[in-house]
Amino acid sequence: MNKYFLLILAILIFGYSCNNSNNEIQTPKTEAFDPYSEILNKADLLISKDTVEGKTIGTCWARESLIYKQFKEIDTLCGEAELIKLTDHEKPNIRAYAFWFLAKRKYKDIGSILKKLNNDNAEITLRYKSEQWIYKLNNFCYFVLSQNDFDNSTIKYNEKELKEFTSEVNH
């Protein structure tokens, strides 16, 4: 009698576990999370203007720019590969921020990105402190890397080094 009881119990346990494993297999799978798509969504949602803003804007009580703060948030989500991809984005201000943040990270191959953007003549409006300028994107990239006080945390090159990267950027 005990043999039959154990046999029936084993069959029930085995049947129940097979039934559960079938349920797991039949569960619909969700799409894989694509971090680059998420970054692009944030870039399009957060940066609606065609402006590049420096870290601070204003005169007496300079405040951190909201647009800069938003792109800084995107930067925390990005690895170097995503920032490099963003240098190909359709919006010139996003390409500019991507280049700028690569320079802030002191990306070792920034010269190749500068060469890639060398012929990018899209215009961006740069707001910094109480000033506003219109730059061509390639000139903005040159400006970011040059010896100035726009952003001292970026990798910097002297005139001769910058000319080695490209001789076609008009500055």
Foldseek 3Di string as FASTA:
>chain_A
DVVVVVVVVVVVVVVVVVVVVVVVVPDDDDDDDDLLVVLVVLCVVLDVDLAAEAQWAEEPDTDGDSSVVSVVVSVVSDDLVSLLVQCVDPRLNSVLVSLLVCQLVVPVVSLVSLLVCQPQQDWGWYGYYHDIDIGGSSVSSVVSQDPDVSPPSGHHDYPVVNVVSDVRRDD
